[in-house]
Amino acid sequence: TMSALGGGGRAYRGAEVTVHVYDLSPVNQYSYEFGVGVFHSGVEVLGSEYTYGGHERSASGIFTHAPKSAPSAAYRCSISMGETS
């Protein structure tokens, strides 16, 4: 479980954690029913979504963006993971 986020040692207990799932390929509209596809995901907590991967910056890695709006991906669904403790 996450006990703290952010600086200064402030604990954020009870913050909702959500995984957002994205389609990375148009083939998902056909293959999803069979349980396969090419997907991407990000984790939203405290109003920001954290994602790993390539982006328009010069390096890849973890970056943030507005929830449900990963670049170069189509939003599919969200999965609640509970709250921070």
Protein backbone atom coordinates (compact mmCIF):
# COMPACT_ATOMS: atom_id res chain seq x y z
CA THR A 1 0.00 0.00 0.00
CA MET A 2 1.01 3.59 -0.44
CA SER A 3 1.57 5.46 2.78
CA ALA A 4 2.61 8.84 1.41
CA LEU A 5 2.81 10.79 -1.81
CA GLY A 6 4.36 14.14 -2.45
CA GLY A 7 7.00 16.03 -0.54
CA GLY A 8 7.33 17.19 3.01
CA GLY A 9 6.34 13.86 4.54
CA ARG A 10 2.61 14.62 4.29
CA ALA A 11 0.53 11.44 4.29
CA TYR A 12 -2.39 11.18 1.88
CA ARG A 13 -4.58 8.52 3.38
CA GLY A 14 -7.83 7.59 1.72
CA ALA A 15 -6.94 8.91 -1.74
CA GLU A 16 -8.56 6.85 -4.49
CA VAL A 17 -6.20 4.91 -6.76
CA THR A 18 -7.46 4.07 -10.26
CA VAL A 19 -5.84 2.24 -13.17
CA HIS A 20 -6.86 3.57 -16.59
CA VAL A 21 -6.56 1.15 -19.52
CA TYR A 22 -5.95 2.30 -23.10
CA ASP A 23 -6.00 0.65 -26.52
CA LEU A 24 -2.76 1.02 -28.44
CA SER A 25 -3.98 -0.65 -31.62
CA PRO A 26 -7.18 -0.52 -33.67
CA VAL A 27 -7.06 -4.35 -33.76
CA ASN A 28 -8.29 -4.29 -30.14
CA GLN A 29 -11.82 -3.56 -31.33
CA TYR A 30 -11.85 -7.07 -32.81
CA SER A 31 -9.52 -8.99 -30.49
CA TYR A 32 -10.78 -7.67 -27.12
CA GLU A 33 -13.71 -10.13 -27.07
CA PHE A 34 -11.15 -12.96 -27.24
CA GLY A 35 -9.19 -11.63 -24.28
CA VAL A 36 -6.19 -10.34 -26.24
CA GLY A 37 -4.99 -6.98 -27.47
CA VAL A 38 -2.32 -4.34 -27.29
CA PHE A 39 -2.89 -2.19 -24.20
CA HIS A 40 -1.32 0.57 -22.16
CA SER A 41 -2.17 1.67 -18.63
CA GLY A 42 -1.61 4.50 -16.19
CA VAL A 43 -2.26 4.96 -12.48
CA GLU A 44 -4.29 7.94 -11.27
CA VAL A 45 -3.86 9.23 -7.73
CA LEU A 46 -4.58 12.69 -6.33
CA GLY A 47 -5.81 13.99 -9.69
CA SER A 48 -2.73 13.11 -11.77
CA GLU A 49 -2.13 10.07 -13.93
CA TYR A 50 1.33 8.48 -13.91
CA THR A 51 2.36 6.56 -16.99
CA TYR A 52 5.52 4.84 -18.21
CA GLY A 53 6.60 4.90 -21.82
CA GLY A 54 7.64 6.97 -24.76
CA HIS A 55 6.35 10.49 -25.29
CA GLU A 56 7.20 13.62 -27.20
CA ARG A 57 9.96 14.58 -24.75
CA SER A 58 13.57 13.63 -25.47
CA ALA A 59 13.64 10.69 -23.01
CA SER A 60 11.24 7.93 -22.06
CA GLY A 61 10.24 6.97 -18.54
CA ILE A 62 7.57 7.89 -16.02
CA PHE A 63 5.61 11.04 -16.81
CA THR A 64 2.29 12.60 -15.80
CA HIS A 65 -0.70 13.79 -17.78
CA ALA A 66 -4.38 14.55 -17.23
CA PRO A 67 -6.40 11.47 -16.23
CA LYS A 68 -7.84 9.38 -19.09
CA SER A 69 -5.81 11.24 -21.72
CA ALA A 70 -2.63 9.26 -22.40
CA PRO A 71 -0.97 10.52 -25.58
CA SER A 72 -1.25 8.28 -28.67
CA ALA A 73 -3.70 5.91 -26.97
CA ALA A 74 -7.49 5.47 -26.90
CA TYR A 75 -9.09 5.31 -23.45
CA ARG A 76 -10.90 2.01 -22.84
CA CYS A 77 -11.87 1.69 -19.15
CA SER A 78 -10.94 2.35 -15.53
CA ILE A 79 -10.36 -0.10 -12.68
CA SER A 80 -10.63 1.06 -9.07
CA MET A 81 -7.77 -0.23 -6.93
CA GLY A 82 -9.07 1.10 -3.62
CA GLU A 83 -7.55 3.84 -1.51
CA THR A 84 -4.13 4.72 -0.16
CA SER A 85 -3.53 3.79 3.47
